[in-house]
C-alpha atoms as a PDB file:
ATOM      1  CA  MET A   1       9.561  13.671  -1.825  1.00  0.00           C
ATOM      2  CA  ILE A   2       6.064  12.668   0.033  1.00  0.00           C
ATOM      3  CA  SER A   3       5.045  16.585   0.059  1.00  0.00           C
ATOM      4  CA  VAL A   4       5.518  16.885  -3.558  1.00  0.00           C
ATOM      5  CA  LEU A   5       3.356  13.887  -4.336  1.00  0.00           C
ATOM      6  CA  GLY A   6      -0.250  13.945  -4.133  1.00  0.00           C
ATOM      7  CA  GLN A   7      -2.509  11.005  -3.325  1.00  0.00           C
ATOM      8  CA  PRO A   8      -2.465   8.030  -3.444  1.00  0.00           C
ATOM      9  CA  ALA A   9       1.135   8.241  -4.595  1.00  0.00           C
ATOM     10  CA  ALA A  10       2.591   9.926  -1.384  1.00  0.00           C
ATOM     11  CA  THR A  11       1.056   7.008   0.632  1.00  0.00           C
ATOM     12  CA  VAL A  12       2.354   4.350  -1.511  1.00  0.00           C
ATOM     13  CA  VAL A  13       5.853   5.706  -1.477  1.00  0.00           C
ATOM     14  CA  ALA A  14       5.706   6.105   2.584  1.00  0.00           C
ATOM     15  CA  THR A  15       4.409   2.965   2.880  1.00  0.00           C
ATOM     16  CA  ALA A  16       7.337   1.453   0.589  1.00  0.00           C
ATOM     17  CA  ALA A  17       9.758   3.523   2.348  1.00  0.00           C
ATOM     18  CA  PHE A  18       8.775   3.148   6.155  1.00  0.00           C
ATOM     19  CA  THR A  19       8.071  -0.888   5.809  1.00  0.00           C
ATOM     20  CA  GLY A  20      10.177  -2.196   3.309  1.00  0.00           C
ATOM     21  CA  MET A  21       7.473  -4.181   1.602  1.00  0.00           C
ATOM     22  CA  ARG A  22       8.112  -5.314  -1.563  1.00  0.00           C
ATOM     23  CA  LYS A  23       5.942  -4.039  -4.622  1.00  0.00           C
ATOM     24  CA  GLY A  24       3.663  -6.913  -4.885  1.00  0.00           C
ATOM     25  CA  GLU A  25       3.115  -6.931  -0.894  1.00  0.00           C
ATOM     26  CA  LEU A  26       2.132  -3.227  -1.601  1.00  0.00           C
ATOM     27  CA  ARG A  27      -0.325  -4.227  -4.384  1.00  0.00           C
ATOM     28  CA  GLY A  28      -1.681  -6.871  -2.098  1.00  0.00           C
ATOM     29  CA  PHE A  29      -2.027  -4.696   0.924  1.00  0.00           C
ATOM     30  CA  LEU A  30      -5.610  -5.337   2.398  1.00  0.00           C
ATOM     31  CA  TRP A  31      -7.333  -2.955   4.980  1.00  0.00           C
ATOM     32  CA  GLU A  32      -8.200  -5.903   7.217  1.00  0.00           C
ATOM     33  CA  ASN A  33      -4.656  -6.640   7.558  1.00  0.00           C
ATOM     34  CA  TYR A  34      -3.747  -3.276   9.030  1.00  0.00           C
ATOM     35  CA  ASN A  35      -4.606  -2.871  12.625  1.00  0.00           C
ATOM     36  CA  GLN A  36      -3.078  -2.400  16.057  1.00  0.00           C
ATOM     37  CA  GLY A  37      -0.331  -0.391  14.805  1.00  0.00           C
ATOM     38  CA  ALA A  38       1.156  -3.248  12.461  1.00  0.00           C
ATOM     39  CA  ILE A  39       0.434  -4.667   8.758  1.00  0.00           C
ATOM     40  CA  TRP A  40       0.042  -8.405   8.435  1.00  0.00           C
ATOM     41  CA  VAL A  41       1.308  -9.311   4.848  1.00  0.00           C
ATOM     42  CA  SER A  42      -0.975 -12.185   3.991  1.00  0.00           C
ATOM     43  CA  GLN A  43      -0.732 -11.862  -0.047  1.00  0.00           C
ATOM     44  CA  SER A  44       1.356 -10.703  -2.984  1.00  0.00           C
ATOM     45  CA  VAL A  45      -0.194  -9.478  -6.290  1.00  0.00           C
ATOM     46  CA  TRP A  46       1.931  -9.839  -9.330  1.00  0.00           C
ATOM     47  CA  GLU A  47       0.401  -8.641 -12.592  1.00  0.00           C
ATOM     48  CA  SER A  48      -2.862 -10.149 -11.962  1.00  0.00           C
ATOM     49  CA  VAL A  49      -1.965 -13.089  -9.759  1.00  0.00           C
ATOM     50  CA  ILE A  50      -2.744 -12.895  -6.299  1.00  0.00           C
ATOM     51  CA  ASP A  51      -0.504 -15.523  -4.251  1.00  0.00           C
ATOM     52  CA  GLU A  52       1.307 -15.698  -0.650  1.00  0.00           C
ATOM     53  CA  PRO A  53       4.220 -13.446  -0.115  1.00  0.00           C
ATOM     54  CA  LYS A  54       7.661 -14.402  -1.459  1.00  0.00           C
ATOM     55  CA  THR A  55       9.029 -15.835   1.954  1.00  0.00           C
ATOM     56  CA  ARG A  56       7.873 -17.067   5.244  1.00  0.00           C
ATOM     57  CA  LYS A  57       9.699 -14.012   6.891  1.00  0.00           C
ATOM     58  CA  SER A  58       7.640 -11.684   4.617  1.00  0.00           C
ATOM     59  CA  LYS A  59       4.395 -12.920   6.402  1.00  0.00           C
ATOM     60  CA  SER A  60       5.804 -11.342   9.675  1.00  0.00           C
ATOM     61  CA  PRO A  61       3.531  -8.324  10.940  1.00  0.00           C
ATOM     62  CA  VAL A  62       5.285  -4.938   9.955  1.00  0.00           C
ATOM     63  CA  SER A  63       5.176  -2.219  12.744  1.00  0.00           C
ATOM     64  CA  VAL A  64       3.783   1.139  11.372  1.00  0.00           C
ATOM     65  CA  ILE A  65       5.342   4.453  12.574  1.00  0.00           C
ATOM     66  CA  GLY A  66       3.072   7.371  13.341  1.00  0.00           C
ATOM     67  CA  PRO A  67       3.673   9.358  10.177  1.00  0.00           C
ATOM     68  CA  LEU A  68       2.816   6.428   8.227  1.00  0.00           C
ATOM     69  CA  ALA A  69      -0.195   5.692  10.408  1.00  0.00           C
ATOM     70  CA  ASN A  70      -1.251   9.188   9.814  1.00  0.00           C
ATOM     71  CA  LEU A  71      -0.997   8.889   6.263  1.00  0.00           C
ATOM     72  CA  LEU A  72      -2.940   5.717   5.996  1.00  0.00           C
ATOM     73  CA  GLY A  73      -5.672   7.233   8.187  1.00  0.00           C
ATOM     74  CA  ARG A  74      -6.053   9.969   5.637  1.00  0.00           C
ATOM     75  CA  HIS A  75      -5.929   7.768   2.709  1.00  0.00           C
ATOM     76  CA  ARG A  76      -8.554   5.619   4.252  1.00  0.00           C
ATOM     77  CA  GLU A  77     -10.853   8.523   4.945  1.00  0.00           C
ATOM     78  CA  ALA A  78     -10.558   9.772   1.390  1.00  0.00           C
ATOM     79  CA  LYS A  79     -11.657   6.304   0.257  1.00  0.00           C
ATOM     80  CA  GLY A  80     -14.694   6.354   2.394  1.00  0.00           C
ATOM     81  CA  ASN A  81     -13.423   4.568   5.785  1.00  0.00           C
ATOM     82  CA  ARG A  82     -13.121   1.285   3.938  1.00  0.00           C
ATOM     83  CA  GLN A  83     -12.529  -1.738   6.511  1.00  0.00           C
ATOM     84  CA  THR A  84     -11.994  -4.290   3.530  1.00  0.00           C
ATOM     85  CA  GLY A  85     -10.221  -4.664   0.183  1.00  0.00           C
ATOM     86  CA  PHE A  86      -7.177  -3.381  -1.275  1.00  0.00           C
ATOM     87  CA  VAL A  87      -5.765  -0.291   0.511  1.00  0.00           C
ATOM     88  CA  PHE A  88      -4.097   0.807  -2.865  1.00  0.00           C
ATOM     89  CA  GLY A  89      -6.936  -0.139  -5.060  1.00  0.00           C
ATOM     90  CA  THR A  90      -8.670   1.008  -8.072  1.00  0.00           C
ATOM     91  CA  ARG A  91     -12.323   2.020  -8.571  1.00  0.00           C
ATOM     92  CA  LYS A  92     -13.335  -1.444  -9.905  1.00  0.00           C
ATOM     93  CA  GLY A  93     -11.871  -3.085  -6.788  1.00  0.00           C
ATOM     94  CA  THR A  94      -8.710  -4.314  -7.892  1.00  0.00           C
ATOM     95  CA  ALA A  95      -5.079  -3.974  -7.104  1.00  0.00           C
ATOM     96  CA  LEU A  96      -3.695  -0.495  -8.472  1.00  0.00           C
ATOM     97  CA  ASN A  97      -0.884  -1.084 -10.998  1.00  0.00           C
ATOM     98  CA  LEU A  98       2.256   0.627  -9.168  1.00  0.00           C
ATOM     99  CA  SER A  99       4.192   0.620 -12.286  1.00  0.00           C
ATOM    100  CA  ASN A 100       1.721   2.576 -14.045  1.00  0.00           C
ATOM    101  CA  LEU A 101       1.240   4.985 -11.125  1.00  0.00           C
ATOM    102  CA  ALA A 102       5.340   5.429 -11.034  1.00  0.00           C
ATOM    103  CA  LYS A 103       5.349   5.958 -14.773  1.00  0.00           C
ATOM    104  CA  ARG A 104       2.415   8.491 -15.268  1.00  0.00           C
ATOM    105  CA  TYR A 105       2.185  10.454 -11.935  1.00  0.00           C
ATOM    106  CA  ILE A 106       5.468   9.542  -9.695  1.00  0.00           C
ATOM    107  CA  ARG A 107       8.392   9.964 -12.027  1.00  0.00           C
ATOM    108  CA  PRO A 108       7.024  13.436 -13.782  1.00  0.00           C
ATOM    109  CA  ARG A 109       6.404  15.109 -10.153  1.00  0.00           C
ATOM    110  CA  LEU A 110       9.860  14.278  -9.242  1.00  0.00           C
END
């Protein structure tokens, strides 16, 4: 599936698959919360509301396996080696709408 998708869809799908993060947590994923081989979930984005993750357990660090680390590294390079902001963000700096990404790009490709 990942090999059929372009970017950023492939990295979004891989991050969801390899971490088990919820859609809101993926949307709220910040570069500053990704380091030392783990993702620290600090926020969730639902519609345009930024809030804390759904549960206390959701705030636990999520390990990043090698293949995902490679994808995230390439994604970061493609975005100009950003150190802050949304990992899956728009040009305007807002969180990417994953429902639109799925509807307009992922589903037609698969």
